[in-house]
PDB file of N, CA and C in Angstrom:
ATOM      1  N   LYS A   1      -8.880   3.321 -10.528  1.00  0.00           N
ATOM      2  CA  LYS A   1      -7.474   3.394 -10.212  1.00  0.00           C
ATOM      3  C   LYS A   1      -7.607   2.092  -9.406  1.00  0.00           C
ATOM      4  N   ASP A   2      -7.802   0.803  -9.431  1.00  0.00           N
ATOM      5  CA  ASP A   2      -7.749  -0.127  -8.476  1.00  0.00           C
ATOM      6  C   ASP A   2      -6.710  -0.492  -7.786  1.00  0.00           C
ATOM      7  N   ILE A   3      -5.279   0.145  -8.602  1.00  0.00           N
ATOM      8  CA  ILE A   3      -4.444  -0.130  -8.069  1.00  0.00           C
ATOM      9  C   ILE A   3      -4.159   0.791  -6.585  1.00  0.00           C
ATOM     10  N   ALA A   4      -4.646   1.648  -6.787  1.00  0.00           N
ATOM     11  CA  ALA A   4      -4.805   2.970  -5.545  1.00  0.00           C
ATOM     12  C   ALA A   4      -5.538   2.207  -4.330  1.00  0.00           C
ATOM     13  N   LEU A   5      -6.166   1.415  -4.660  1.00  0.00           N
ATOM     14  CA  LEU A   5      -7.183   0.586  -3.724  1.00  0.00           C
ATOM     15  C   LEU A   5      -6.365  -0.312  -2.871  1.00  0.00           C
ATOM     16  N   ILE A   6      -5.688  -0.950  -3.483  1.00  0.00           N
ATOM     17  CA  ILE A   6      -4.803  -2.219  -3.131  1.00  0.00           C
ATOM     18  C   ILE A   6      -3.646  -1.768  -2.627  1.00  0.00           C
ATOM     19  N   LEU A   7      -2.973  -0.827  -3.327  1.00  0.00           N
ATOM     20  CA  LEU A   7      -1.532  -0.681  -2.860  1.00  0.00           C
ATOM     21  C   LEU A   7      -1.412   0.919  -2.143  1.00  0.00           C
ATOM     22  N   GLY A   8      -2.322   1.459  -2.433  1.00  0.00           N
ATOM     23  CA  GLY A   8      -2.075   3.052  -1.815  1.00  0.00           C
ATOM     24  C   GLY A   8      -1.779   3.965  -2.858  1.00  0.00           C
ATOM     25  N   ASP A   9      -2.258   5.090  -2.407  1.00  0.00           N
ATOM     26  CA  ASP A   9      -1.913   6.236  -3.475  1.00  0.00           C
ATOM     27  C   ASP A   9      -0.858   6.722  -3.998  1.00  0.00           C
ATOM     28  N   ASP A  10       0.282   6.179  -3.140  1.00  0.00           N
ATOM     29  CA  ASP A  10       1.499   6.874  -3.420  1.00  0.00           C
ATOM     30  C   ASP A  10       2.229   5.807  -5.035  1.00  0.00           C
ATOM     31  N   ILE A  11       1.838   4.562  -4.506  1.00  0.00           N
ATOM     32  CA  ILE A  11       2.370   3.563  -5.463  1.00  0.00           C
ATOM     33  C   ILE A  11       1.670   3.859  -6.964  1.00  0.00           C
ATOM     34  N   ALA A  12       0.029   4.086  -6.405  1.00  0.00           N
ATOM     35  CA  ALA A  12      -0.829   4.161  -7.748  1.00  0.00           C
ATOM     36  C   ALA A  12       0.105   5.246  -8.894  1.00  0.00           C
ATOM     37  N   ASN A  13      -0.087   6.416  -8.124  1.00  0.00           N
ATOM     38  CA  ASN A  13       0.548   7.465  -8.773  1.00  0.00           C
ATOM     39  C   ASN A  13       1.889   7.445  -9.455  1.00  0.00           C
ATOM     40  N   LYS A  14       2.719   6.537  -8.666  1.00  0.00           N
ATOM     41  CA  LYS A  14       3.713   6.247  -9.766  1.00  0.00           C
ATOM     42  C   LYS A  14       3.873   5.358 -10.903  1.00  0.00           C
ATOM     43  N   VAL A  15       3.040   4.385 -10.569  1.00  0.00           N
ATOM     44  CA  VAL A  15       2.611   3.604 -11.716  1.00  0.00           C
ATOM     45  C   VAL A  15       1.928   4.108 -12.902  1.00  0.00           C
ATOM     46  N   TYR A  16       0.852   4.706 -12.551  1.00  0.00           N
ATOM     47  CA  TYR A  16      -0.205   5.637 -13.599  1.00  0.00           C
ATOM     48  C   TYR A  16      -0.604   7.133 -13.134  1.00  0.00           C
ATOM     49  N   PRO A  17       0.483   7.869 -13.811  1.00  0.00           N
ATOM     50  CA  PRO A  17       0.734   9.242 -13.330  1.00  0.00           C
ATOM     51  C   PRO A  17      -0.240  10.264 -14.101  1.00  0.00           C
ATOM     52  N   ASP A  18      -1.572   9.528 -14.029  1.00  0.00           N
ATOM     53  CA  ASP A  18      -2.773  10.572 -14.863  1.00  0.00           C
ATOM     54  C   ASP A  18      -3.724  11.107 -14.215  1.00  0.00           C
ATOM     55  N   GLU A  19      -4.887  11.252 -14.271  1.00  0.00           N
ATOM     56  CA  GLU A  19      -5.978  11.848 -13.923  1.00  0.00           C
ATOM     57  C   GLU A  19      -6.767  10.765 -13.118  1.00  0.00           C
ATOM     58  N   ARG A  20      -6.795   9.744 -13.271  1.00  0.00           N
ATOM     59  CA  ARG A  20      -7.714   8.780 -12.641  1.00  0.00           C
ATOM     60  C   ARG A  20      -8.212   8.904 -11.420  1.00  0.00           C
ATOM     61  N   VAL A  21      -9.283   8.666 -10.797  1.00  0.00           N
ATOM     62  CA  VAL A  21      -9.708   8.606  -9.443  1.00  0.00           C
ATOM     63  C   VAL A  21     -10.416   7.567  -8.726  1.00  0.00           C
ATOM     64  N   LYS A  22     -10.226   7.412  -7.698  1.00  0.00           N
ATOM     65  CA  LYS A  22     -10.809   6.169  -7.154  1.00  0.00           C
ATOM     66  C   LYS A  22     -12.150   6.391  -7.059  1.00  0.00           C
ATOM     67  N   PRO A  23     -13.378   5.589  -6.928  1.00  0.00           N
ATOM     68  CA  PRO A  23     -14.347   5.860  -6.786  1.00  0.00           C
ATOM     69  C   PRO A  23     -14.920   5.906  -5.247  1.00  0.00           C
ATOM     70  N   LYS A  24     -15.399   7.071  -4.882  1.00  0.00           N
ATOM     71  CA  LYS A  24     -15.967   7.627  -3.632  1.00  0.00           C
ATOM     72  C   LYS A  24     -16.256   6.481  -2.796  1.00  0.00           C
ATOM     73  N   ALA A  25     -17.308   5.758  -3.168  1.00  0.00           N
ATOM     74  CA  ALA A  25     -17.846   4.650  -2.309  1.00  0.00           C
ATOM     75  C   ALA A  25     -16.763   3.733  -1.720  1.00  0.00           C
ATOM     76  N   TYR A  26     -15.762   3.400  -2.797  1.00  0.00           N
ATOM     77  CA  TYR A  26     -14.661   2.454  -2.396  1.00  0.00           C
ATOM     78  C   TYR A  26     -13.773   3.230  -1.415  1.00  0.00           C
ATOM     79  N   SER A  27     -13.403   4.528  -1.713  1.00  0.00           N
ATOM     80  CA  SER A  27     -12.458   5.541  -0.538  1.00  0.00           C
ATOM     81  C   SER A  27     -13.106   5.579   0.673  1.00  0.00           C
ATOM     82  N   ARG A  28     -14.628   5.701   0.796  1.00  0.00           N
ATOM     83  CA  ARG A  28     -14.996   5.636   2.002  1.00  0.00           C
ATOM     84  C   ARG A  28     -14.973   4.176   2.936  1.00  0.00           C
ATOM     85  N   LEU A  29     -14.993   3.090   1.982  1.00  0.00           N
ATOM     86  CA  LEU A  29     -15.207   1.761   2.489  1.00  0.00           C
ATOM     87  C   LEU A  29     -13.673   1.905   3.340  1.00  0.00           C
ATOM     88  N   PHE A  30     -12.623   2.305   2.198  1.00  0.00           N
ATOM     89  CA  PHE A  30     -11.136   2.147   2.773  1.00  0.00           C
ATOM     90  C   PHE A  30     -11.128   2.952   3.908  1.00  0.00           C
ATOM     91  N   ASN A  31     -11.367   3.935   3.931  1.00  0.00           N
ATOM     92  CA  ASN A  31     -11.312   5.060   5.164  1.00  0.00           C
ATOM     93  C   ASN A  31     -11.961   4.143   6.533  1.00  0.00           C
ATOM     94  N   SER A  32     -13.078   3.400   6.252  1.00  0.00           N
ATOM     95  CA  SER A  32     -13.792   3.028   7.530  1.00  0.00           C
ATOM     96  C   SER A  32     -12.765   2.158   7.995  1.00  0.00           C
ATOM     97  N   PHE A  33     -11.978   1.127   6.952  1.00  0.00           N
ATOM     98  CA  PHE A  33     -11.090   0.013   7.730  1.00  0.00           C
ATOM     99  C   PHE A  33      -9.925   0.532   7.943  1.00  0.00           C
ATOM    100  N   ASN A  34      -9.624   1.598   7.798  1.00  0.00           N
ATOM    101  CA  ASN A  34      -8.114   2.300   7.637  1.00  0.00           C
ATOM    102  C   ASN A  34      -8.389   2.870   9.262  1.00  0.00           C
ATOM    103  N   ASN A  35      -9.469   3.858   9.451  1.00  0.00           N
ATOM    104  CA  ASN A  35      -9.328   4.298  10.681  1.00  0.00           C
ATOM    105  C   ASN A  35      -9.245   3.193  12.295  1.00  0.00           C
ATOM    106  N   VAL A  36     -10.234   2.269  11.716  1.00  0.00           N
ATOM    107  CA  VAL A  36     -10.292   1.062  12.887  1.00  0.00           C
ATOM    108  C   VAL A  36      -8.622   0.611  13.003  1.00  0.00           C
ATOM    109  N   VAL A  37      -8.046   0.502  11.918  1.00  0.00           N
ATOM    110  CA  VAL A  37      -6.352   0.123  12.384  1.00  0.00           C
ATOM    111  C   VAL A  37      -5.692   0.920  12.962  1.00  0.00           C
ATOM    112  N   ILE A  38      -6.268   2.269  12.585  1.00  0.00           N
ATOM    113  CA  ILE A  38      -5.141   3.285  13.184  1.00  0.00           C
ATOM    114  C   ILE A  38      -5.410   3.403  14.634  1.00  0.00           C
ATOM    115  N   LYS A  39      -6.986   3.430  14.728  1.00  0.00           N
ATOM    116  CA  LYS A  39      -7.391   3.832  16.143  1.00  0.00           C
ATOM    117  C   LYS A  39      -6.786   2.706  16.824  1.00  0.00           C
ATOM    118  N   LYS A  40      -6.894   1.542  16.718  1.00  0.00           N
ATOM    119  CA  LYS A  40      -6.117   0.147  17.311  1.00  0.00           C
ATOM    120  C   LYS A  40      -4.692   0.106  17.527  1.00  0.00           C
ATOM    121  N   VAL A  41      -4.112   0.581  16.645  1.00  0.00           N
ATOM    122  CA  VAL A  41      -2.383   0.742  16.749  1.00  0.00           C
ATOM    123  C   VAL A  41      -2.224   1.872  17.602  1.00  0.00           C
ATOM    124  N   GLU A  42      -2.942   3.044  17.863  1.00  0.00           N
ATOM    125  CA  GLU A  42      -2.752   4.025  18.626  1.00  0.00           C
ATOM    126  C   GLU A  42      -2.968   3.363  19.935  1.00  0.00           C
ATOM    127  N   GLU A  43      -3.922   2.888  20.189  1.00  0.00           N
ATOM    128  CA  GLU A  43      -4.327   2.399  21.924  1.00  0.00           C
ATOM    129  C   GLU A  43      -3.662   1.321  22.217  1.00  0.00           C
ATOM    130  N   GLN A  44      -3.315   0.304  21.111  1.00  0.00           N
ATOM    131  CA  GLN A  44      -2.505  -0.933  21.783  1.00  0.00           C
ATOM    132  C   GLN A  44      -1.224  -0.973  21.191  1.00  0.00           C
ATOM    133  N   GLY A  45      -1.041  -0.356  20.397  1.00  0.00           N
ATOM    134  CA  GLY A  45       0.443  -0.398  19.533  1.00  0.00           C
ATOM    135  C   GLY A  45       0.674  -1.379  18.450  1.00  0.00           C
ATOM    136  N   PHE A  46      -0.542  -2.366  18.028  1.00  0.00           N
ATOM    137  CA  PHE A  46      -0.635  -3.051  17.017  1.00  0.00           C
ATOM    138  C   PHE A  46      -1.976  -3.546  16.515  1.00  0.00           C
ATOM    139  N   PHE A  47      -2.159  -3.898  15.413  1.00  0.00           N
ATOM    140  CA  PHE A  47      -3.858  -4.071  15.332  1.00  0.00           C
ATOM    141  C   PHE A  47      -3.335  -5.819  14.691  1.00  0.00           C
ATOM    142  N   VAL A  48      -4.755  -6.971  15.243  1.00  0.00           N
ATOM    143  CA  VAL A  48      -4.502  -8.005  14.716  1.00  0.00           C
ATOM    144  C   VAL A  48      -5.464  -8.143  13.541  1.00  0.00           C
ATOM    145  N   GLN A  49      -4.994  -8.115  12.128  1.00  0.00           N
ATOM    146  CA  GLN A  49      -5.697  -8.510  10.906  1.00  0.00           C
ATOM    147  C   GLN A  49      -7.133  -9.016  11.349  1.00  0.00           C
ATOM    148  N   GLU A  50      -7.002 -10.332  11.765  1.00  0.00           N
ATOM    149  CA  GLU A  50      -8.356 -11.142  11.834  1.00  0.00           C
ATOM    150  C   GLU A  50      -9.083 -10.707  13.280  1.00  0.00           C
ATOM    151  N   ALA A  51      -9.063  -9.604  13.998  1.00  0.00           N
ATOM    152  CA  ALA A  51      -9.503  -9.215  14.952  1.00  0.00           C
ATOM    153  C   ALA A  51     -10.743  -8.320  14.210  1.00  0.00           C
ATOM    154  N   ILE A  52     -10.514  -7.794  13.006  1.00  0.00           N
ATOM    155  CA  ILE A  52     -11.478  -6.924  12.401  1.00  0.00           C
ATOM    156  C   ILE A  52     -12.888  -7.429  12.616  1.00  0.00           C
ATOM    157  N   THR A  53     -12.890  -8.910  12.673  1.00  0.00           N
ATOM    158  CA  THR A  53     -14.361  -9.419  13.027  1.00  0.00           C
ATOM    159  C   THR A  53     -15.094  -8.815  14.066  1.00  0.00           C
ATOM    160  N   ASP A  54     -14.452  -8.070  15.179  1.00  0.00           N
ATOM    161  CA  ASP A  54     -14.913  -8.036  16.376  1.00  0.00           C
ATOM    162  C   ASP A  54     -15.133  -6.462  16.400  1.00  0.00           C
ATOM    163  N   GLU A  55     -15.032  -5.595  14.936  1.00  0.00           N
ATOM    164  CA  GLU A  55     -15.542  -4.318  15.007  1.00  0.00           C
ATOM    165  C   GLU A  55     -16.539  -4.231  14.437  1.00  0.00           C
ATOM    166  N   LYS A  56     -17.338  -3.210  14.668  1.00  0.00           N
ATOM    167  CA  LYS A  56     -18.510  -2.642  14.166  1.00  0.00           C
ATOM    168  C   LYS A  56     -18.306  -1.658  13.106  1.00  0.00           C
ATOM    169  N   ILE A  57     -18.690  -2.097  11.712  1.00  0.00           N
ATOM    170  CA  ILE A  57     -18.185  -1.481  10.588  1.00  0.00           C
ATOM    171  C   ILE A  57     -19.555  -1.136   9.690  1.00  0.00           C
ATOM    172  N   ARG A  58     -19.821  -0.141   9.446  1.00  0.00           N
ATOM    173  CA  ARG A  58     -21.293   0.118   8.692  1.00  0.00           C
ATOM    174  C   ARG A  58     -20.741   0.629   6.866  1.00  0.00           C
ATOM    175  N   ALA A  59     -21.504   0.243   6.126  1.00  0.00           N
ATOM    176  CA  ALA A  59     -20.807   0.597   4.505  1.00  0.00           C
ATOM    177  C   ALA A  59     -22.069   0.383   3.734  1.00  0.00           C
ATOM    178  N   THR A  60     -21.935   0.906   2.620  1.00  0.00           N
ATOM    179  CA  THR A  60     -22.922   1.151   1.602  1.00  0.00           C
ATOM    180  C   THR A  60     -22.355   0.158   0.609  1.00  0.00           C
ATOM    181  N   LEU A  61     -22.334  -0.948   0.328  1.00  0.00           N
ATOM    182  CA  LEU A  61     -21.504  -2.111  -0.464  1.00  0.00           C
ATOM    183  C   LEU A  61     -21.828  -1.488  -2.214  1.00  0.00           C
ATOM    184  N   LYS A  62     -21.475  -2.138  -2.881  1.00  0.00           N
ATOM    185  CA  LYS A  62     -21.696  -1.939  -4.524  1.00  0.00           C
ATOM    186  C   LYS A  62     -23.071  -2.365  -4.617  1.00  0.00           C
ATOM    187  N   GLY A  63     -24.243  -1.804  -5.490  1.00  0.00           N
ATOM    188  CA  GLY A  63     -25.216  -2.537  -5.749  1.00  0.00           C
ATOM    189  C   GLY A  63     -26.393  -2.362  -4.782  1.00  0.00           C
ATOM    190  N   GLU A  64     -26.012  -1.643  -3.448  1.00  0.00           N
ATOM    191  CA  GLU A  64     -27.001  -1.769  -2.610  1.00  0.00           C
ATOM    192  C   GLU A  64     -27.247  -0.188  -2.382  1.00  0.00           C
ATOM    193  N   LYS A  65     -28.790   0.237  -2.042  1.00  0.00           N
ATOM    194  CA  LYS A  65     -28.737   1.514  -1.799  1.00  0.00           C
ATOM    195  C   LYS A  65     -28.731   2.191  -0.634  1.00  0.00           C
ATOM    196  N   LYS A  66     -28.864   1.368   0.707  1.00  0.00           N
ATOM    197  CA  LYS A  66     -28.625   1.675   2.220  1.00  0.00           C
ATOM    198  C   LYS A  66     -27.227   1.171   2.669  1.00  0.00           C
ATOM    199  N   GLN A  67     -26.875   2.021   3.621  1.00  0.00           N
ATOM    200  CA  GLN A  67     -25.875   1.686   4.377  1.00  0.00           C
ATOM    201  C   GLN A  67     -26.314   0.545   5.300  1.00  0.00           C
ATOM    202  N   ARG A  68     -25.379  -0.614   5.692  1.00  0.00           N
ATOM    203  CA  ARG A  68     -25.528  -1.614   6.638  1.00  0.00           C
ATOM    204  C   ARG A  68     -24.477  -1.990   7.616  1.00  0.00           C
ATOM    205  N   TRP A  69     -24.629  -2.815   8.685  1.00  0.00           N
ATOM    206  CA  TRP A  69     -23.388  -3.265   9.244  1.00  0.00           C
ATOM    207  C   TRP A  69     -22.862  -4.372   8.469  1.00  0.00           C
ATOM    208  N   LEU A  70     -21.520  -4.392   8.137  1.00  0.00           N
ATOM    209  CA  LEU A  70     -21.000  -5.357   7.377  1.00  0.00           C
ATOM    210  C   LEU A  70     -20.717  -7.083   8.413  1.00  0.00           C
ATOM    211  N   LYS A  71     -21.032  -8.168   7.703  1.00  0.00           N
ATOM    212  CA  LYS A  71     -20.894  -9.248   8.323  1.00  0.00           C
ATOM    213  C   LYS A  71     -19.431  -9.814   8.094  1.00  0.00           C
ATOM    214  N   ALA A  72     -19.168 -10.549   9.253  1.00  0.00           N
ATOM    215  CA  ALA A  72     -17.787 -10.959   9.851  1.00  0.00           C
ATOM    216  C   ALA A  72     -16.745 -11.257   8.637  1.00  0.00           C
ATOM    217  N   GLU A  73     -17.640 -12.006   7.731  1.00  0.00           N
ATOM    218  CA  GLU A  73     -16.943 -12.527   6.622  1.00  0.00           C
ATOM    219  C   GLU A  73     -16.621 -11.465   5.233  1.00  0.00           C
ATOM    220  N   GLU A  74     -17.253 -10.465   5.182  1.00  0.00           N
ATOM    221  CA  GLU A  74     -17.412  -9.538   4.680  1.00  0.00           C
ATOM    222  C   GLU A  74     -16.001  -8.610   4.948  1.00  0.00           C
ATOM    223  N   LYS A  75     -15.607  -8.477   6.481  1.00  0.00           N
ATOM    224  CA  LYS A  75     -14.971  -7.457   7.162  1.00  0.00           C
ATOM    225  C   LYS A  75     -13.552  -8.453   6.861  1.00  0.00           C
ATOM    226  N   LEU A  76     -13.285  -9.542   7.000  1.00  0.00           N
ATOM    227  CA  LEU A  76     -12.191 -10.342   6.492  1.00  0.00           C
ATOM    228  C   LEU A  76     -11.666 -10.120   5.031  1.00  0.00           C
ATOM    229  N   LYS A  77     -12.834 -10.266   4.006  1.00  0.00           N
ATOM    230  CA  LYS A  77     -12.433 -10.044   2.817  1.00  0.00           C
ATOM    231  C   LYS A  77     -11.776  -8.364   2.462  1.00  0.00           C
ATOM    232  N   TYR A  78     -12.300  -7.752   2.945  1.00  0.00           N
ATOM    233  CA  TYR A  78     -11.978  -6.283   2.543  1.00  0.00           C
ATOM    234  C   TYR A  78     -10.763  -5.849   3.390  1.00  0.00           C
ATOM    235  N   ILE A  79     -10.688  -6.544   4.496  1.00  0.00           N
ATOM    236  CA  ILE A  79      -9.174  -5.854   5.279  1.00  0.00           C
ATOM    237  C   ILE A  79      -8.222  -6.766   4.529  1.00  0.00           C
ATOM    238  N   LYS A  80      -8.473  -7.945   4.013  1.00  0.00           N
ATOM    239  CA  LYS A  80      -7.263  -8.446   3.335  1.00  0.00           C
ATOM    240  C   LYS A  80      -6.690  -7.736   1.984  1.00  0.00           C
ATOM    241  N   GLN A  81      -7.956  -6.953   1.422  1.00  0.00           N
ATOM    242  CA  GLN A  81      -7.913  -6.498   0.427  1.00  0.00           C
ATOM    243  C   GLN A  81      -7.102  -4.961   0.493  1.00  0.00           C
ATOM    244  N   PHE A  82      -7.532  -4.662   1.373  1.00  0.00           N
ATOM    245  CA  PHE A  82      -6.966  -3.259   1.703  1.00  0.00           C
ATOM    246  C   PHE A  82      -5.494  -3.299   2.589  1.00  0.00           C
ATOM    247  N   SER A  83      -4.835  -4.241   3.043  1.00  0.00           N
ATOM    248  CA  SER A  83      -3.932  -4.465   4.006  1.00  0.00           C
ATOM    249  C   SER A  83      -2.735  -3.888   3.314  1.00  0.00           C
ATOM    250  N   ALA A  84      -2.331  -3.827   2.172  1.00  0.00           N
ATOM    251  CA  ALA A  84      -1.239  -3.527   1.530  1.00  0.00           C
ATOM    252  C   ALA A  84      -1.113  -1.784   1.706  1.00  0.00           C
ATOM    253  N   ALA A  85      -2.261  -1.455   1.221  1.00  0.00           N
ATOM    254  CA  ALA A  85      -2.652   0.080   1.004  1.00  0.00           C
ATOM    255  C   ALA A  85      -2.538   0.486   2.593  1.00  0.00           C
ATOM    256  N   ILE A  86      -3.233  -0.004   3.254  1.00  0.00           N
ATOM    257  CA  ILE A  86      -2.937   0.563   4.760  1.00  0.00           C
ATOM    258  C   ILE A  86      -1.588   0.490   5.277  1.00  0.00           C
ATOM    259  N   LYS A  87      -0.839  -0.643   4.992  1.00  0.00           N
ATOM    260  CA  LYS A  87       0.178  -0.794   5.344  1.00  0.00           C
ATOM    261  C   LYS A  87       1.110   0.685   4.853  1.00  0.00           C
ATOM    262  N   SER A  88       0.962   0.455   3.580  1.00  0.00           N
ATOM    263  CA  SER A  88       1.946   1.603   2.980  1.00  0.00           C
ATOM    264  C   SER A  88       1.392   3.324   3.347  1.00  0.00           C
ATOM    265  N   GLU A  89      -0.055   3.496   3.465  1.00  0.00           N
ATOM    266  CA  GLU A  89      -0.409   4.825   3.664  1.00  0.00           C
ATOM    267  C   GLU A  89      -0.019   5.445   5.210  1.00  0.00           C
ATOM    268  N   ASN A  90      -0.003   4.107   6.255  1.00  0.00           N
ATOM    269  CA  ASN A  90       0.301   4.449   7.486  1.00  0.00           C
ATOM    270  C   ASN A  90       1.880   4.251   8.207  1.00  0.00           C
ATOM    271  N   ASP A  91       2.857   4.009   7.010  1.00  0.00           N
ATOM    272  CA  ASP A  91       4.076   3.715   7.419  1.00  0.00           C
ATOM    273  C   ASP A  91       4.215   2.402   8.446  1.00  0.00           C
ATOM    274  N   TYR A  92       3.255   1.266   7.996  1.00  0.00           N
ATOM    275  CA  TYR A  92       3.208   0.120   9.049  1.00  0.00           C
ATOM    276  C   TYR A  92       3.840  -1.157   8.446  1.00  0.00           C
ATOM    277  N   THR A  93       4.454  -2.117   9.382  1.00  0.00           N
ATOM    278  CA  THR A  93       5.013  -3.319   9.049  1.00  0.00           C
ATOM    279  C   THR A  93       3.860  -4.325   9.598  1.00  0.00           C
ATOM    280  N   THR A  94       3.949  -5.348   8.669  1.00  0.00           N
ATOM    281  CA  THR A  94       3.255  -6.524   8.772  1.00  0.00           C
ATOM    282  C   THR A  94       4.082  -7.969   9.547  1.00  0.00           C
ATOM    283  N   LYS A  95       3.646  -8.493  10.363  1.00  0.00           N
ATOM    284  CA  LYS A  95       4.112  -9.821  10.819  1.00  0.00           C
ATOM    285  C   LYS A  95       2.968 -10.715  10.939  1.00  0.00           C
ATOM    286  N   ARG A  96       3.655 -11.932  10.455  1.00  0.00           N
ATOM    287  CA  ARG A  96       2.713 -13.169  10.272  1.00  0.00           C
ATOM    288  C   ARG A  96       3.116 -14.334  11.503  1.00  0.00           C
ATOM    289  N   VAL A  97       2.209 -14.434  12.423  1.00  0.00           N
ATOM    290  CA  VAL A  97       2.331 -15.249  13.646  1.00  0.00           C
ATOM    291  C   VAL A  97       1.558 -16.338  13.449  1.00  0.00           C
ATOM    292  N   LYS A  98       2.416 -17.538  13.670  1.00  0.00           N
ATOM    293  CA  LYS A  98       1.699 -18.851  13.770  1.00  0.00           C
ATOM    294  C   LYS A  98       1.723 -19.611  15.236  1.00  0.00           C
ATOM    295  N   LYS A  99       2.828 -19.243  16.077  1.00  0.00           N
ATOM    296  CA  LYS A  99       2.581 -19.860  17.109  1.00  0.00           C
ATOM    297  C   LYS A  99       1.736 -19.392  18.185  1.00  0.00           C
ATOM    298  N   GLU A 100       1.413 -20.397  19.117  1.00  0.00           N
ATOM    299  CA  GLU A 100      -0.102 -19.995  19.958  1.00  0.00           C
ATOM    300  C   GLU A 100       0.559 -19.043  21.074  1.00  0.00           C
ATOM    301  N   GLU A 101       1.689 -18.925  21.560  1.00  0.00           N
ATOM    302  CA  GLU A 101       2.350 -18.225  22.585  1.00  0.00           C
ATOM    303  C   GLU A 101       2.353 -16.948  22.187  1.00  0.00           C
ATOM    304  N   GLU A 102       2.702 -16.927  20.973  1.00  0.00           N
ATOM    305  CA  GLU A 102       3.072 -15.396  20.231  1.00  0.00           C
ATOM    306  C   GLU A 102       1.660 -14.690  19.904  1.00  0.00           C
ATOM    307  N   LYS A 103       0.628 -15.589  19.718  1.00  0.00           N
ATOM    308  CA  LYS A 103      -0.503 -14.946  19.074  1.00  0.00           C
ATOM    309  C   LYS A 103      -1.323 -14.776  20.394  1.00  0.00           C
ATOM    310  N   LEU A 104      -0.994 -15.247  21.648  1.00  0.00           N
ATOM    311  CA  LEU A 104      -1.415 -14.776  23.221  1.00  0.00           C
ATOM    312  C   LEU A 104      -0.922 -13.602  23.254  1.00  0.00           C
ATOM    313  N   LYS A 105       0.372 -13.275  22.814  1.00  0.00           N
ATOM    314  CA  LYS A 105       0.946 -12.001  23.160  1.00  0.00           C
ATOM    315  C   LYS A 105       0.184 -10.951  22.504  1.00  0.00           C
ATOM    316  N   TYR A 106      -0.216 -11.140  21.523  1.00  0.00           N
ATOM    317  CA  TYR A 106      -1.197 -10.084  20.733  1.00  0.00           C
ATOM    318  C   TYR A 106      -2.715 -10.180  20.948  1.00  0.00           C
ATOM    319  N   GLY A 107      -2.855 -10.844  22.168  1.00  0.00           N
ATOM    320  CA  GLY A 107      -4.324 -10.900  22.736  1.00  0.00           C
ATOM    321  C   GLY A 107      -5.330 -11.803  21.666  1.00  0.00           C
ATOM    322  N   PHE A 108      -4.536 -12.552  21.090  1.00  0.00           N
ATOM    323  CA  PHE A 108      -5.746 -13.252  19.891  1.00  0.00           C
ATOM    324  C   PHE A 108      -5.721 -14.885  20.621  1.00  0.00           C
ATOM    325  N   THR A 109      -6.822 -15.230  20.872  1.00  0.00           N
ATOM    326  CA  THR A 109      -7.322 -16.144  21.636  1.00  0.00           C
ATOM    327  C   THR A 109      -7.615 -17.646  21.063  1.00  0.00           C
ATOM    328  N   LYS A 110      -8.129 -17.168  20.115  1.00  0.00           N
ATOM    329  CA  LYS A 110      -9.269 -17.941  18.890  1.00  0.00           C
ATOM    330  C   LYS A 110      -7.906 -19.015  18.465  1.00  0.00           C
ATOM    331  N   LYS A 111      -8.646 -20.301  18.225  1.00  0.00           N
ATOM    332  CA  LYS A 111      -7.785 -21.491  17.675  1.00  0.00           C
ATOM    333  C   LYS A 111      -7.620 -21.312  15.971  1.00  0.00           C
ATOM    334  N   LYS A 112      -8.776 -20.655  15.591  1.00  0.00           N
ATOM    335  CA  LYS A 112      -8.478 -20.460  14.203  1.00  0.00           C
ATOM    336  C   LYS A 112      -8.919 -18.856  13.854  1.00  0.00           C
ATOM    337  N   PRO A 113      -8.018 -18.473  12.927  1.00  0.00           N
ATOM    338  CA  PRO A 113      -7.045 -19.236  11.859  1.00  0.00           C
ATOM    339  C   PRO A 113      -5.836 -19.326  12.808  1.00  0.00           C
ATOM    340  N   VAL A 114      -4.998 -20.581  11.982  1.00  0.00           N
ATOM    341  CA  VAL A 114      -3.996 -20.758  12.550  1.00  0.00           C
ATOM    342  C   VAL A 114      -2.572 -19.894  12.202  1.00  0.00           C
ATOM    343  N   GLN A 115      -2.760 -18.949  11.079  1.00  0.00           N
ATOM    344  CA  GLN A 115      -1.740 -17.958  11.093  1.00  0.00           C
ATOM    345  C   GLN A 115      -2.616 -16.565  11.065  1.00  0.00           C
ATOM    346  N   ILE A 116      -2.035 -15.470  12.069  1.00  0.00           N
ATOM    347  CA  ILE A 116      -2.723 -14.142  12.158  1.00  0.00           C
ATOM    348  C   ILE A 116      -1.507 -13.200  11.263  1.00  0.00           C
ATOM    349  N   THR A 117      -2.264 -11.992  11.024  1.00  0.00           N
ATOM    350  CA  THR A 117      -1.273 -11.048  10.656  1.00  0.00           C
ATOM    351  C   THR A 117      -1.510  -9.724  11.374  1.00  0.00           C
ATOM    352  N   VAL A 118      -0.172  -8.983  11.870  1.00  0.00           N
ATOM    353  CA  VAL A 118      -0.088  -7.947  13.001  1.00  0.00           C
ATOM    354  C   VAL A 118       0.158  -6.748  12.221  1.00  0.00           C
ATOM    355  N   PHE A 119      -0.626  -5.641  12.416  1.00  0.00           N
ATOM    356  CA  PHE A 119       0.129  -4.274  12.276  1.00  0.00           C
ATOM    357  C   PHE A 119       0.620  -3.817  13.117  1.00  0.00           C
ATOM    358  N   LYS A 120       1.991  -3.182  12.885  1.00  0.00           N
ATOM    359  CA  LYS A 120       2.614  -2.590  13.786  1.00  0.00           C
ATOM    360  C   LYS A 120       3.466  -1.168  13.047  1.00  0.00           C
ATOM    361  N   PRO A 121       3.566  -0.088  13.589  1.00  0.00           N
ATOM    362  CA  PRO A 121       4.404   0.908  13.247  1.00  0.00           C
ATOM    363  C   PRO A 121       5.701   0.668  13.209  1.00  0.00           C
ATOM    364  N   LYS A 122       6.267   1.240  11.950  1.00  0.00           N
ATOM    365  CA  LYS A 122       7.740   0.844  11.825  1.00  0.00           C
ATOM    366  C   LYS A 122       8.326   1.366  12.918  1.00  0.00           C
ATOM    367  N   LYS A 123       9.482   0.764  12.972  1.00  0.00           N
ATOM    368  CA  LYS A 123      10.520   1.278  14.069  1.00  0.00           C
ATOM    369  C   LYS A 123      11.636   2.367  13.420  1.00  0.00           C
ATOM    370  N   ASN A 124      11.463   3.590  14.122  1.00  0.00           N
ATOM    371  CA  ASN A 124      12.597   4.654  13.312  1.00  0.00           C
ATOM    372  C   ASN A 124      13.941   4.486  13.860  1.00  0.00           C
TER     373      ASN A 124
END
C-alpha cells in the first residue's frame, strides 16, 4: 500500500478499500519522521522541512540488518517522501518560503536551499 506511505492512511483507504497493509519497517520509519515533526510543531508552532538534517534519527533501512543513524541526504529524501502523509495525518498546512527575511522568521539561517517548506497547524 505505497499510496498510504505517501499520502496517508485516510486517502489510501478511500482509493484501495481492501485489506492491504503497509510494511512494518516503513511504518516505523514514517513514525520516526512524523514524531520529529509533531514535537517541533508543538515546541515552536512550526517545522522547517529542511531542518530535518539537524535531527538525530535512527532506522533500519531496506536491505540492512542493523539500525543506524541516518545521513543528512537520507533524512531529506524521506521527509520529502513523507511530507504529504505527515501533512494529512496531522492536519497541517505547508508553506513554501523563498525570501531571506521570511526564512529568518522561521529560524532558517542557511543560504541553501533557496526555498524551504514550513509545516504549520491549520488554523480553525
